[in-house]
N, C-alpha and C. Protein backbone atom coordinates (compact mmCIF):
# COMPACT_ATOMS: atom_id res chain seq x y z
N MET A 1 11.73 -165.70 58.58
CA MET A 1 11.81 -164.44 59.30
C MET A 1 13.18 -163.79 59.03
N ALA A 2 13.17 -162.51 58.71
CA ALA A 2 14.40 -161.79 58.41
C ALA A 2 15.23 -161.62 59.68
N ASP A 3 16.54 -161.47 59.46
CA ASP A 3 17.43 -161.23 60.60
C ASP A 3 17.06 -159.92 61.28
N LYS A 4 17.20 -159.92 62.58
CA LYS A 4 16.97 -158.71 63.38
C LYS A 4 18.19 -158.46 64.24
N LEU A 5 18.25 -157.28 64.78
CA LEU A 5 19.34 -156.83 65.61
C LEU A 5 18.73 -156.36 66.92
N ARG A 6 19.19 -156.87 68.03
CA ARG A 6 18.70 -156.44 69.33
C ARG A 6 19.43 -155.14 69.67
N PHE A 7 18.68 -154.07 69.95
CA PHE A 7 19.28 -152.78 70.22
C PHE A 7 18.80 -152.24 71.56
N GLU A 8 19.75 -151.66 72.30
CA GLU A 8 19.44 -151.03 73.58
C GLU A 8 20.28 -149.77 73.72
N PHE A 9 19.65 -148.68 74.16
CA PHE A 9 20.29 -147.38 74.31
C PHE A 9 20.11 -146.93 75.75
N ILE A 10 21.23 -146.84 76.47
CA ILE A 10 21.20 -146.49 77.88
C ILE A 10 22.03 -145.24 78.11
N ALA A 11 21.40 -144.22 78.70
CA ALA A 11 22.10 -142.99 79.07
C ALA A 11 22.42 -143.07 80.56
N GLN A 12 23.21 -142.13 81.06
CA GLN A 12 23.60 -142.15 82.47
C GLN A 12 22.40 -142.18 83.40
N GLU A 13 21.37 -141.41 83.07
CA GLU A 13 20.26 -141.26 84.00
C GLU A 13 19.06 -142.18 83.73
N ARG A 14 19.06 -142.87 82.58
CA ARG A 14 17.89 -143.69 82.27
C ARG A 14 18.09 -144.54 81.03
N VAL A 15 17.16 -145.47 80.84
CA VAL A 15 17.13 -146.25 79.61
C VAL A 15 16.37 -145.41 78.59
N VAL A 16 17.02 -145.07 77.50
CA VAL A 16 16.41 -144.22 76.48
C VAL A 16 15.60 -145.06 75.50
N TYR A 17 16.12 -146.23 75.13
CA TYR A 17 15.44 -147.14 74.21
C TYR A 17 15.63 -148.54 74.77
N ALA A 18 14.55 -149.11 75.28
CA ALA A 18 14.61 -150.44 75.88
C ALA A 18 14.93 -151.47 74.81
N ALA A 19 15.59 -152.54 75.20
CA ALA A 19 16.00 -153.60 74.28
C ALA A 19 14.84 -154.02 73.40
N ASP A 20 15.08 -153.99 72.08
CA ASP A 20 14.06 -154.32 71.10
C ASP A 20 14.74 -154.80 69.82
N ASP A 21 14.03 -155.59 69.04
CA ASP A 21 14.55 -156.06 67.76
C ASP A 21 14.32 -154.99 66.70
N VAL A 22 15.40 -154.60 66.02
CA VAL A 22 15.33 -153.57 64.98
C VAL A 22 16.04 -154.07 63.73
N ASP A 23 15.89 -153.31 62.64
CA ASP A 23 16.52 -153.68 61.38
C ASP A 23 17.87 -153.02 61.16
N MET A 24 18.02 -151.79 61.69
CA MET A 24 19.27 -151.06 61.47
C MET A 24 19.41 -149.96 62.51
N VAL A 25 20.66 -149.66 62.87
CA VAL A 25 20.98 -148.56 63.76
C VAL A 25 22.03 -147.71 63.04
N ILE A 26 21.79 -146.40 63.00
CA ILE A 26 22.75 -145.47 62.40
C ILE A 26 23.19 -144.52 63.52
N ALA A 27 24.48 -144.56 63.85
CA ALA A 27 25.00 -143.80 64.98
C ALA A 27 26.11 -142.86 64.54
N PRO A 28 26.28 -141.74 65.27
CA PRO A 28 27.34 -140.78 64.94
C PRO A 28 28.68 -141.22 65.52
N GLY A 29 29.57 -141.74 64.69
CA GLY A 29 30.89 -142.18 65.13
C GLY A 29 31.92 -141.08 64.95
N GLN A 30 33.10 -141.31 65.47
CA GLN A 30 34.18 -140.32 65.37
C GLN A 30 34.54 -140.00 63.92
N ASN A 31 34.43 -140.97 63.05
CA ASN A 31 34.83 -140.77 61.65
C ASN A 31 33.63 -140.68 60.71
N GLY A 32 32.46 -140.34 61.24
CA GLY A 32 31.26 -140.23 60.43
C GLY A 32 30.19 -141.18 60.92
N SER A 33 29.08 -141.24 60.20
CA SER A 33 27.96 -142.10 60.58
C SER A 33 28.34 -143.56 60.43
N LEU A 34 27.85 -144.36 61.37
CA LEU A 34 28.11 -145.79 61.37
C LEU A 34 26.78 -146.52 61.27
N GLY A 35 26.56 -147.23 60.18
CA GLY A 35 25.34 -148.01 59.99
C GLY A 35 25.59 -149.45 60.40
N VAL A 36 24.71 -149.98 61.24
CA VAL A 36 24.87 -151.34 61.74
C VAL A 36 23.63 -152.16 61.35
N LEU A 37 23.88 -153.25 60.66
CA LEU A 37 22.84 -154.19 60.25
C LEU A 37 23.06 -155.52 60.99
N PRO A 38 22.06 -156.41 60.99
CA PRO A 38 22.27 -157.73 61.59
C PRO A 38 23.48 -158.42 60.98
N ARG A 39 24.17 -159.17 61.77
CA ARG A 39 25.38 -159.92 61.41
C ARG A 39 26.59 -159.02 61.14
N HIS A 40 26.57 -157.82 61.69
CA HIS A 40 27.70 -156.90 61.57
C HIS A 40 28.90 -157.50 62.32
N ALA A 41 30.07 -157.20 61.85
CA ALA A 41 31.29 -157.65 62.52
C ALA A 41 31.35 -157.02 63.92
N PRO A 42 31.81 -157.77 64.90
CA PRO A 42 31.92 -157.23 66.26
C PRO A 42 32.88 -156.04 66.30
N LEU A 43 32.52 -155.04 67.09
CA LEU A 43 33.39 -153.89 67.29
C LEU A 43 32.96 -153.11 68.50
N MET A 44 33.86 -152.29 68.97
CA MET A 44 33.60 -151.35 70.06
C MET A 44 34.02 -150.01 69.51
N THR A 45 33.15 -148.99 69.63
CA THR A 45 33.48 -147.70 69.03
C THR A 45 33.03 -146.55 69.90
N ILE A 46 33.67 -145.41 69.72
CA ILE A 46 33.29 -144.18 70.40
C ILE A 46 32.18 -143.52 69.60
N ILE A 47 31.16 -143.05 70.32
CA ILE A 47 30.05 -142.32 69.71
C ILE A 47 30.20 -140.85 70.11
N VAL A 48 30.08 -139.96 69.14
CA VAL A 48 30.18 -138.52 69.41
C VAL A 48 28.77 -137.95 69.50
N PRO A 49 28.63 -136.76 70.08
CA PRO A 49 27.30 -136.15 70.12
C PRO A 49 26.74 -136.01 68.70
N GLY A 50 25.51 -136.42 68.53
CA GLY A 50 24.91 -136.36 67.21
C GLY A 50 23.55 -137.01 67.16
N VAL A 51 23.12 -137.31 65.95
CA VAL A 51 21.80 -137.88 65.69
C VAL A 51 21.92 -139.40 65.55
N LEU A 52 21.06 -140.10 66.26
CA LEU A 52 20.99 -141.56 66.22
C LEU A 52 19.66 -141.93 65.58
N VAL A 53 19.69 -142.85 64.61
CA VAL A 53 18.46 -143.27 63.94
C VAL A 53 18.31 -144.78 64.12
N VAL A 54 17.10 -145.20 64.49
CA VAL A 54 16.78 -146.62 64.64
C VAL A 54 15.69 -146.95 63.62
N LYS A 55 15.99 -147.93 62.76
CA LYS A 55 15.06 -148.32 61.70
C LYS A 55 14.44 -149.68 62.04
N LYS A 56 13.12 -149.73 61.84
CA LYS A 56 12.37 -150.96 62.10
C LYS A 56 11.31 -151.07 61.01
N ALA A 57 11.29 -152.20 60.30
CA ALA A 57 10.37 -152.39 59.18
C ALA A 57 8.93 -152.11 59.59
N GLY A 58 8.23 -151.39 58.71
CA GLY A 58 6.82 -151.10 58.94
C GLY A 58 6.56 -149.98 59.93
N GLU A 59 7.61 -149.36 60.45
CA GLU A 59 7.46 -148.27 61.42
C GLU A 59 8.26 -147.05 60.96
N GLU A 60 7.83 -145.91 61.45
CA GLU A 60 8.57 -144.68 61.19
C GLU A 60 9.92 -144.76 61.91
N ASP A 61 10.97 -144.22 61.29
CA ASP A 61 12.29 -144.20 61.94
C ASP A 61 12.19 -143.48 63.28
N ARG A 62 12.87 -144.01 64.28
CA ARG A 62 12.98 -143.35 65.58
C ARG A 62 14.27 -142.56 65.57
N VAL A 63 14.19 -141.30 65.96
CA VAL A 63 15.35 -140.41 65.93
C VAL A 63 15.64 -139.93 67.35
N PHE A 64 16.93 -139.94 67.71
CA PHE A 64 17.36 -139.58 69.05
C PHE A 64 18.54 -138.61 68.98
N ALA A 65 18.67 -137.80 70.02
CA ALA A 65 19.88 -137.01 70.22
C ALA A 65 20.73 -137.81 71.20
N VAL A 66 21.98 -138.03 70.86
CA VAL A 66 22.89 -138.75 71.74
C VAL A 66 24.04 -137.83 72.11
N GLY A 67 24.39 -137.84 73.40
CA GLY A 67 25.42 -136.93 73.88
C GLY A 67 26.81 -137.52 73.93
N GLY A 68 27.08 -138.51 73.13
CA GLY A 68 28.40 -139.13 73.11
C GLY A 68 28.48 -140.30 74.07
N GLY A 69 29.34 -141.25 73.76
CA GLY A 69 29.49 -142.43 74.60
C GLY A 69 30.22 -143.53 73.88
N PHE A 70 29.82 -144.78 74.15
CA PHE A 70 30.44 -145.96 73.54
C PHE A 70 29.36 -146.88 73.01
N MET A 71 29.68 -147.60 71.95
CA MET A 71 28.75 -148.56 71.39
C MET A 71 29.47 -149.88 71.17
N GLU A 72 28.85 -150.94 71.67
CA GLU A 72 29.35 -152.29 71.44
C GLU A 72 28.46 -152.94 70.39
N VAL A 73 29.09 -153.46 69.35
CA VAL A 73 28.35 -154.12 68.28
C VAL A 73 28.75 -155.59 68.26
N ARG A 74 27.74 -156.44 68.28
CA ARG A 74 27.94 -157.88 68.09
C ARG A 74 27.05 -158.27 66.91
N PRO A 75 27.22 -159.43 66.34
CA PRO A 75 26.43 -159.81 65.17
C PRO A 75 24.91 -159.75 65.38
N ASP A 76 24.46 -159.95 66.61
CA ASP A 76 23.03 -159.98 66.88
C ASP A 76 22.56 -158.93 67.87
N LYS A 77 23.47 -158.08 68.38
CA LYS A 77 23.10 -157.13 69.42
C LYS A 77 23.97 -155.88 69.38
N VAL A 78 23.33 -154.73 69.64
CA VAL A 78 24.05 -153.46 69.74
C VAL A 78 23.65 -152.81 71.06
N THR A 79 24.65 -152.41 71.83
CA THR A 79 24.39 -151.71 73.08
C THR A 79 25.09 -150.36 73.02
N LEU A 80 24.32 -149.29 73.23
CA LEU A 80 24.86 -147.94 73.24
C LEU A 80 24.79 -147.41 74.66
N LEU A 81 25.94 -147.06 75.22
CA LEU A 81 26.03 -146.45 76.55
C LEU A 81 26.45 -145.01 76.33
N ALA A 82 25.60 -144.07 76.75
CA ALA A 82 25.84 -142.67 76.42
C ALA A 82 25.78 -141.77 77.63
N ARG A 83 26.40 -140.62 77.50
CA ARG A 83 26.35 -139.59 78.53
C ARG A 83 24.92 -139.08 78.69
N SER A 84 24.25 -138.86 77.57
CA SER A 84 22.87 -138.40 77.60
C SER A 84 22.17 -138.86 76.32
N GLY A 85 20.85 -138.85 76.36
CA GLY A 85 20.08 -139.24 75.19
C GLY A 85 18.63 -138.87 75.34
N GLU A 86 18.02 -138.47 74.24
CA GLU A 86 16.61 -138.10 74.22
C GLU A 86 16.00 -138.49 72.89
N ALA A 87 14.78 -138.98 72.94
CA ALA A 87 14.02 -139.21 71.72
C ALA A 87 13.58 -137.86 71.17
N ALA A 88 13.42 -137.76 69.88
CA ALA A 88 13.04 -136.49 69.25
C ALA A 88 11.80 -135.90 69.89
N GLU A 89 10.82 -136.74 70.19
CA GLU A 89 9.56 -136.23 70.74
C GLU A 89 9.69 -135.73 72.19
N GLU A 90 10.79 -136.02 72.85
CA GLU A 90 11.01 -135.57 74.23
C GLU A 90 11.71 -134.22 74.31
N ILE A 91 12.28 -133.78 73.23
CA ILE A 91 13.11 -132.57 73.26
C ILE A 91 12.26 -131.32 73.41
N ASP A 92 12.61 -130.54 74.41
CA ASP A 92 11.99 -129.25 74.64
C ASP A 92 12.81 -128.23 73.86
N THR A 93 12.31 -127.80 72.72
CA THR A 93 13.08 -126.92 71.84
C THR A 93 13.44 -125.60 72.50
N ALA A 94 12.52 -125.04 73.27
CA ALA A 94 12.80 -123.77 73.93
C ALA A 94 13.97 -123.93 74.91
N ARG A 95 13.98 -125.02 75.65
CA ARG A 95 15.07 -125.28 76.60
C ARG A 95 16.40 -125.48 75.86
N ALA A 96 16.36 -126.18 74.74
CA ALA A 96 17.58 -126.41 73.96
C ALA A 96 18.09 -125.10 73.35
N GLN A 97 17.18 -124.25 72.90
CA GLN A 97 17.59 -122.96 72.34
C GLN A 97 18.21 -122.07 73.42
N GLU A 98 17.64 -122.11 74.62
CA GLU A 98 18.18 -121.32 75.73
C GLU A 98 19.56 -121.84 76.12
N ALA A 99 19.74 -123.15 76.14
CA ALA A 99 21.06 -123.73 76.46
C ALA A 99 22.09 -123.32 75.40
N ARG A 100 21.68 -123.33 74.14
CA ARG A 100 22.58 -122.90 73.06
C ARG A 100 22.96 -121.43 73.24
N ARG A 101 21.96 -120.59 73.53
CA ARG A 101 22.21 -119.16 73.71
C ARG A 101 23.18 -118.91 74.86
N ARG A 102 22.97 -119.59 76.01
CA ARG A 102 23.86 -119.42 77.16
C ARG A 102 25.29 -119.83 76.82
N ALA A 103 25.43 -120.96 76.15
CA ALA A 103 26.77 -121.45 75.79
C ALA A 103 27.44 -120.51 74.80
N GLU A 104 26.70 -120.04 73.80
CA GLU A 104 27.28 -119.12 72.82
C GLU A 104 27.69 -117.81 73.49
N ASP A 105 26.85 -117.30 74.40
CA ASP A 105 27.18 -116.05 75.11
C ASP A 105 28.44 -116.22 75.94
N PHE A 106 28.52 -117.33 76.68
CA PHE A 106 29.70 -117.57 77.51
C PHE A 106 30.96 -117.64 76.66
N LEU A 107 30.88 -118.40 75.58
CA LEU A 107 32.05 -118.56 74.71
C LEU A 107 32.46 -117.24 74.07
N ALA A 108 31.48 -116.45 73.64
CA ALA A 108 31.78 -115.17 73.01
C ALA A 108 32.46 -114.21 74.00
N GLN A 109 32.00 -114.23 75.24
CA GLN A 109 32.55 -113.33 76.26
C GLN A 109 33.93 -113.76 76.73
N ASN A 110 34.21 -115.04 76.68
CA ASN A 110 35.44 -115.55 77.29
C ASN A 110 36.48 -116.05 76.30
N LEU A 111 36.20 -116.00 75.04
CA LEU A 111 37.11 -116.56 74.04
C LEU A 111 38.49 -115.91 74.08
N SER A 112 38.53 -114.60 74.24
CA SER A 112 39.83 -113.91 74.21
C SER A 112 40.27 -113.43 75.60
N SER A 113 39.58 -113.89 76.61
CA SER A 113 39.87 -113.45 77.96
C SER A 113 41.23 -113.97 78.45
N PRO A 114 42.04 -113.11 79.10
CA PRO A 114 43.33 -113.56 79.63
C PRO A 114 43.19 -114.64 80.71
N GLU A 115 42.06 -114.62 81.43
CA GLU A 115 41.85 -115.62 82.49
C GLU A 115 41.72 -117.03 81.93
N MET A 116 41.43 -117.15 80.65
CA MET A 116 41.25 -118.48 80.05
C MET A 116 42.56 -119.27 80.03
N ARG A 117 43.63 -118.63 80.43
CA ARG A 117 44.92 -119.33 80.45
C ARG A 117 45.02 -120.34 81.58
N ASN A 118 44.30 -120.13 82.67
CA ASN A 118 44.41 -121.09 83.77
C ASN A 118 43.52 -122.31 83.50
N GLN A 119 43.89 -123.42 84.08
CA GLN A 119 43.25 -124.71 83.79
C GLN A 119 41.77 -124.72 84.13
N LEU A 120 41.39 -124.15 85.26
CA LEU A 120 39.98 -124.16 85.66
C LEU A 120 39.12 -123.45 84.61
N ALA A 121 39.59 -122.31 84.15
CA ALA A 121 38.85 -121.56 83.13
C ALA A 121 38.80 -122.34 81.82
N GLN A 122 39.88 -123.02 81.47
CA GLN A 122 39.89 -123.82 80.25
C GLN A 122 38.92 -124.99 80.35
N ASP A 123 38.84 -125.60 81.53
CA ASP A 123 37.88 -126.68 81.74
C ASP A 123 36.45 -126.17 81.58
N ARG A 124 36.18 -124.98 82.12
CA ARG A 124 34.84 -124.38 82.01
C ARG A 124 34.52 -124.09 80.54
N MET A 125 35.51 -123.62 79.81
CA MET A 125 35.34 -123.32 78.39
C MET A 125 35.01 -124.61 77.63
N ALA A 126 35.73 -125.68 77.90
CA ALA A 126 35.48 -126.97 77.24
C ALA A 126 34.08 -127.47 77.58
N SER A 127 33.68 -127.30 78.83
CA SER A 127 32.34 -127.71 79.26
C SER A 127 31.25 -126.95 78.49
N MET A 128 31.46 -125.65 78.29
CA MET A 128 30.48 -124.84 77.57
C MET A 128 30.47 -125.21 76.08
N GLU A 129 31.63 -125.55 75.52
CA GLU A 129 31.66 -125.99 74.13
C GLU A 129 30.88 -127.29 73.97
N GLN A 130 31.00 -128.19 74.94
CA GLN A 130 30.24 -129.44 74.90
C GLN A 130 28.74 -129.16 75.04
N ALA A 131 28.38 -128.24 75.92
CA ALA A 131 26.97 -127.87 76.09
C ALA A 131 26.40 -127.28 74.80
N LEU A 132 27.20 -126.49 74.13
CA LEU A 132 26.78 -125.90 72.85
C LEU A 132 26.55 -127.01 71.82
N THR A 133 27.46 -127.96 71.75
CA THR A 133 27.31 -129.08 70.81
C THR A 133 26.05 -129.88 71.12
N ARG A 134 25.82 -130.19 72.41
CA ARG A 134 24.62 -130.95 72.79
C ARG A 134 23.34 -130.21 72.42
N SER A 135 23.31 -128.92 72.67
CA SER A 135 22.09 -128.16 72.37
C SER A 135 21.85 -128.11 70.86
N LYS A 136 22.91 -127.99 70.07
CA LYS A 136 22.76 -127.98 68.61
C LYS A 136 22.24 -129.33 68.11
N VAL A 137 22.74 -130.42 68.69
CA VAL A 137 22.27 -131.76 68.30
C VAL A 137 20.79 -131.91 68.65
N ARG A 138 20.42 -131.50 69.85
CA ARG A 138 19.02 -131.61 70.27
C ARG A 138 18.11 -130.81 69.33
N LEU A 139 18.54 -129.61 68.96
CA LEU A 139 17.73 -128.80 68.05
C LEU A 139 17.64 -129.43 66.67
N LYS A 140 18.72 -130.04 66.21
CA LYS A 140 18.73 -130.71 64.90
C LYS A 140 17.74 -131.88 64.91
N VAL A 141 17.76 -132.67 65.97
CA VAL A 141 16.84 -133.81 66.08
C VAL A 141 15.39 -133.32 66.17
N ALA A 142 15.15 -132.30 66.96
CA ALA A 142 13.79 -131.76 67.09
C ALA A 142 13.29 -131.22 65.75
N GLU A 143 14.16 -130.52 65.02
CA GLU A 143 13.78 -129.98 63.71
C GLU A 143 13.48 -131.11 62.72
N ARG A 144 14.27 -132.14 62.76
CA ARG A 144 14.04 -133.29 61.87
C ARG A 144 12.67 -133.90 62.14
N ARG A 145 12.33 -134.04 63.41
CA ARG A 145 11.01 -134.59 63.77
C ARG A 145 9.90 -133.62 63.35
N ARG A 146 10.11 -132.34 63.57
CA ARG A 146 9.09 -131.35 63.21
C ARG A 146 8.79 -131.38 61.72
N ARG A 147 9.84 -131.50 60.91
CA ARG A 147 9.64 -131.57 59.46
C ARG A 147 8.92 -132.85 59.06
N ALA A 148 9.22 -133.94 59.75
CA ALA A 148 8.61 -135.23 59.42
C ALA A 148 7.15 -135.29 59.86
N ARG A 149 6.88 -134.76 61.06
CA ARG A 149 5.52 -134.85 61.60
C ARG A 149 5.38 -133.83 62.71
N PRO A 150 4.77 -132.67 62.44
CA PRO A 150 4.60 -131.66 63.48
C PRO A 150 3.76 -132.21 64.63
N SER A 151 4.21 -131.96 65.86
CA SER A 151 3.46 -132.40 67.03
C SER A 151 3.90 -131.61 68.25
N THR A 152 3.18 -131.79 69.34
CA THR A 152 3.52 -131.15 70.60
C THR A 152 4.59 -131.96 71.30
N PRO A 153 5.65 -131.32 71.84
CA PRO A 153 6.70 -132.09 72.53
C PRO A 153 6.16 -132.78 73.77
N VAL A 154 6.68 -133.97 74.04
CA VAL A 154 6.31 -134.73 75.21
C VAL A 154 7.25 -134.30 76.34
N PRO A 155 6.69 -133.86 77.49
CA PRO A 155 7.58 -133.45 78.58
C PRO A 155 8.43 -134.61 79.09
N ARG A 156 9.68 -134.32 79.37
CA ARG A 156 10.60 -135.35 79.87
C ARG A 156 10.64 -135.26 81.38
N LYS A 157 10.56 -136.40 82.02
CA LYS A 157 10.59 -136.43 83.48
C LYS A 157 12.02 -136.61 83.95
N GLY A 158 12.44 -135.74 84.86
CA GLY A 158 13.77 -135.87 85.44
C GLY A 158 14.86 -135.47 84.47
N GLY A 159 16.08 -135.75 84.87
CA GLY A 159 17.22 -135.48 84.01
C GLY A 159 17.79 -134.09 84.24
N PRO A 160 19.06 -133.92 84.01
CA PRO A 160 19.72 -132.62 84.23
C PRO A 160 19.36 -131.62 83.14
N GLU A 161 19.42 -130.37 83.50
CA GLU A 161 19.21 -129.31 82.51
C GLU A 161 20.40 -129.29 81.56
N GLU A 162 20.16 -129.03 80.29
CA GLU A 162 21.25 -128.96 79.31
C GLU A 162 21.19 -127.63 78.62
């Protein structure tokens, strides 16, 4: 039997991918994509918002949007703790497009505003930039799934609006 890697993906509000044996995990790290195979050297790393891919022999790749977090890698197990996460089939594209539009509008209106000098306004600006990044990641993951296999999105239960 070939080596396997136990993988689990947990977001703040739910388990996104329950512990399962996989062949490879590709995650968005601070310095680029990080591919993890069985027997990988132990490490702890920061995950940035981006596309997460889980590979399992004989199955179609599972693709997720991850909203940033931390990943612990051990030779036989990978645990990803993230701010948010969604499987490609869960992403509501219309909702993600609306979130992107709202964030872009806010940033465009406030980019040169004199009020942006105070800390509260700067925090709001940073929050909207993060929302824009999350919505772009979600749309990228949804588009990747659509190109691979067109289907109807699966409604997601619960979770905050993004």
